[in-house]
């Protein structure tokens, strides 16, 4: 799941070296914290949050196959 987030966000941003993803694994939930450059935050979120919503949908679909739930948060 982490690889999916990395692949998508690296394709979207201008500064892919500044992307950091922290994974917090629980019993039935996985939380991903995404940190990126200030200028790239808007690109990851997208207009009206459509881009981040699509990433979350893909992530939840992949997590459901593994019997888990995934949460993606953008951290400043």
Protein backbone atom coordinates (compact mmCIF):
# COMPACT_ATOMS: atom_id res chain seq x y z
CA UNK A 1 0.00 0.00 0.00
CA UNK A 2 2.86 2.32 0.81
CA UNK A 3 4.31 1.77 -2.66
CA UNK A 4 1.03 2.85 -4.25
CA UNK A 5 1.04 6.13 -2.33
CA UNK A 6 4.69 6.75 -3.20
CA UNK A 7 4.14 6.06 -6.89
CA UNK A 8 1.12 8.34 -7.20
CA UNK A 9 2.50 11.23 -5.16
CA UNK A 10 5.91 11.15 -6.85
CA UNK A 11 4.11 11.51 -10.18
CA UNK A 12 2.13 14.54 -8.99
CA UNK A 13 4.67 16.75 -7.21
CA UNK A 14 7.59 18.92 -8.29
CA UNK A 15 9.79 17.92 -5.34
CA UNK A 16 9.53 14.12 -5.04
CA UNK A 17 12.59 13.97 -2.78
CA UNK A 18 10.68 15.77 -0.02
CA UNK A 19 7.94 13.15 0.25
CA UNK A 20 7.95 11.18 3.49
CA UNK A 21 5.37 8.53 4.33
CA UNK A 22 4.99 7.21 7.87
CA UNK A 23 3.03 3.99 8.35
CA UNK A 24 1.27 3.26 11.64
CA UNK A 25 0.01 -0.31 11.64
CA UNK A 26 -2.83 -1.44 13.89
CA UNK A 27 -4.84 -4.65 14.12
CA UNK A 28 -7.46 -3.76 11.55
CA UNK A 29 -6.44 -0.23 10.51
CA UNK A 30 -3.35 1.18 8.82
CA UNK A 31 -2.72 4.92 9.05
CA UNK A 32 -0.44 6.61 6.52
CA UNK A 33 0.91 10.08 7.25
CA UNK A 34 2.07 11.91 4.13
CA UNK A 35 4.49 14.80 4.41
CA UNK A 36 5.50 16.81 1.37
CA UNK A 37 6.91 20.20 0.41
CA UNK A 38 4.62 23.17 1.16
CA UNK A 39 4.34 24.04 -2.53
CA UNK A 40 3.26 20.50 -3.43
CA UNK A 41 0.51 20.09 -0.84
CA UNK A 42 -2.07 21.70 -3.12
CA UNK A 43 -1.14 19.38 -5.97
CA UNK A 44 -1.66 16.32 -3.80
CA UNK A 45 -4.99 17.59 -2.51
CA UNK A 46 -6.26 18.76 -5.91
CA UNK A 47 -9.24 20.95 -6.71
CA UNK A 48 -11.92 20.55 -4.06
CA UNK A 49 -9.96 17.58 -2.67
CA UNK A 50 -10.70 15.37 -5.67
CA UNK A 51 -7.14 14.08 -6.09
CA UNK A 52 -6.64 13.08 -2.46
CA UNK A 53 -10.12 11.55 -2.44
CA UNK A 54 -9.24 9.39 -5.44
CA UNK A 55 -5.97 8.29 -3.80
CA UNK A 56 -7.86 7.38 -0.64
CA UNK A 57 -10.40 5.37 -2.64
CA UNK A 58 -7.65 3.36 -4.33
CA UNK A 59 -5.91 2.85 -1.00
CA UNK A 60 -9.11 1.64 0.71
CA UNK A 61 -9.79 -0.78 -2.14
CA UNK A 62 -6.33 -2.28 -1.79
CA UNK A 63 -6.64 -2.43 1.99
CA UNK A 64 -10.03 -4.16 1.79
CA UNK A 65 -8.42 -6.97 -0.22
CA UNK A 66 -6.13 -7.52 2.77
CA UNK A 67 -8.99 -7.33 5.26
CA UNK A 68 -7.92 -3.99 6.69
CA UNK A 69 -8.95 -0.35 6.59
CA UNK A 70 -6.58 2.41 5.47
CA UNK A 71 -6.48 6.06 6.42
CA UNK A 72 -4.35 8.62 4.56
CA UNK A 73 -3.60 11.92 6.26
CA UNK A 74 -1.60 14.87 4.95
CA UNK A 75 0.56 16.27 7.75
CA UNK A 76 2.14 19.72 7.65
